[in-house]
Amino acid sequence: MKLAIVAVGTRMPGWADEAFAEFAKRMPRELALELKEIKAEPRSGGKPVEALLAAEASRIGAALPARSRLVALDERGADLTTQQLAGRLR
């Protein structure tokens, strides 16, 4: 199984790169982890928020491998421990 983390934004701060590297290092070999950074839609130009989000959603969809299962991380979602996430991946 492969995990692809798709993040909107490029040139992540150093702490984010370090955190990802540490997390990836802890993953088992049979669970490959990849980070794909997607260009954010420019916030200038007066586009409605819905149009910005739709453009980014399209980029995310294009970055996902075929036959993927999408798990969206959202601040309004349920909090999971590492063990709970591992259980769901099983």
Protein backbone atom coordinates (compact mmCIF):
# COMPACT_ATOMS: atom_id res chain seq x y z
CA MET A 1 0.00 0.00 0.00
CA LYS A 2 1.13 3.54 -0.73
CA LEU A 3 0.05 6.69 1.04
CA ALA A 4 0.07 9.96 -0.87
CA ILE A 5 -0.32 13.12 1.16
CA VAL A 6 -1.54 15.88 -1.14
CA ALA A 7 -1.10 19.35 0.33
CA VAL A 8 -2.20 22.65 -1.17
CA GLY A 9 0.74 25.02 -1.10
CA THR A 10 4.37 24.98 -2.07
CA ARG A 11 7.54 25.99 -0.29
CA MET A 12 6.40 24.65 3.04
CA PRO A 13 8.15 26.06 6.11
CA GLY A 14 11.16 24.16 7.38
CA TRP A 15 9.32 22.79 10.40
CA ALA A 16 6.68 21.22 8.14
CA ASP A 17 9.33 19.57 5.94
CA GLU A 18 11.11 18.25 9.05
CA ALA A 19 7.86 16.92 10.53
CA PHE A 20 6.98 15.11 7.30
CA ALA A 21 10.48 13.62 7.05
CA GLU A 22 10.26 12.34 10.63
CA PHE A 23 6.77 10.91 10.08
CA ALA A 24 7.83 9.23 6.81
CA LYS A 25 10.87 7.72 8.52
CA ARG A 26 8.66 6.04 11.10
CA MET A 27 6.41 4.37 8.53
CA PRO A 28 6.98 0.68 7.79
CA ARG A 29 8.68 -0.17 4.50
CA GLU A 30 5.54 -1.80 3.12
CA LEU A 31 3.66 1.48 3.56
CA ALA A 32 5.40 3.91 1.23
CA LEU A 33 4.65 7.58 1.93
CA GLU A 34 4.81 10.37 -0.63
CA LEU A 35 4.17 14.10 -0.29
CA LYS A 36 2.70 15.91 -3.29
CA GLU A 37 2.50 19.67 -3.06
CA ILE A 38 -0.22 21.28 -5.18
CA LYS A 39 -0.05 24.87 -6.30
CA ALA A 40 -2.60 27.05 -4.50
CA GLU A 41 -4.97 29.09 -6.61
CA PRO A 42 -3.92 32.76 -6.52
CA ARG A 43 -6.03 34.68 -4.01
CA SER A 44 -5.79 37.92 -5.99
CA GLY A 45 -8.11 38.60 -8.90
CA GLY A 46 -11.43 38.70 -7.12
CA LYS A 47 -12.48 35.09 -7.78
CA PRO A 48 -15.19 33.78 -5.45
CA VAL A 49 -14.02 31.39 -2.75
CA GLU A 50 -16.01 28.58 -4.35
CA ALA A 51 -14.09 29.02 -7.62
CA LEU A 52 -10.74 29.00 -5.80
CA LEU A 53 -11.60 25.82 -3.92
CA ALA A 54 -12.94 24.14 -7.06
CA ALA A 55 -9.69 24.86 -8.93
CA GLU A 56 -7.63 23.43 -6.06
CA ALA A 57 -9.93 20.40 -5.80
CA SER A 58 -9.34 19.76 -9.48
CA ARG A 59 -5.56 19.86 -8.95
CA ILE A 60 -5.84 17.50 -5.99
CA GLY A 61 -7.91 15.05 -8.04
CA ALA A 62 -5.36 15.13 -10.85
CA ALA A 63 -2.54 14.39 -8.39
CA LEU A 64 -4.18 11.29 -6.94
CA PRO A 65 -3.11 7.91 -8.29
CA ALA A 66 -5.72 5.88 -10.16
CA ARG A 67 -8.06 3.79 -8.01
CA SER A 68 -7.17 5.71 -4.86
CA ARG A 69 -9.19 5.98 -1.71
CA LEU A 70 -9.44 9.59 -0.66
CA VAL A 71 -9.24 10.55 3.01
CA ALA A 72 -9.62 14.27 3.57
CA LEU A 73 -8.08 15.84 6.64
CA ASP A 74 -10.14 18.74 7.87
CA GLU A 75 -10.10 20.78 11.07
CA ARG A 76 -13.80 19.97 11.50
CA GLY A 77 -13.23 16.21 11.29
CA ALA A 78 -12.73 13.62 14.00
CA ASP A 79 -9.44 13.55 15.89
CA LEU A 80 -7.57 10.26 15.45
CA THR A 81 -4.59 8.93 17.32
CA THR A 82 -1.82 7.27 15.34
CA GLN A 83 -3.13 3.88 16.48
CA GLN A 84 -6.66 4.71 15.32
CA LEU A 85 -5.35 5.81 11.92
CA ALA A 86 -3.34 2.59 11.64
CA GLY A 87 -6.47 0.60 12.46
CA ARG A 88 -8.42 2.32 9.71
CA LEU A 89 -5.63 1.69 7.22
CA ARG A 90 -5.71 -2.02 8.06
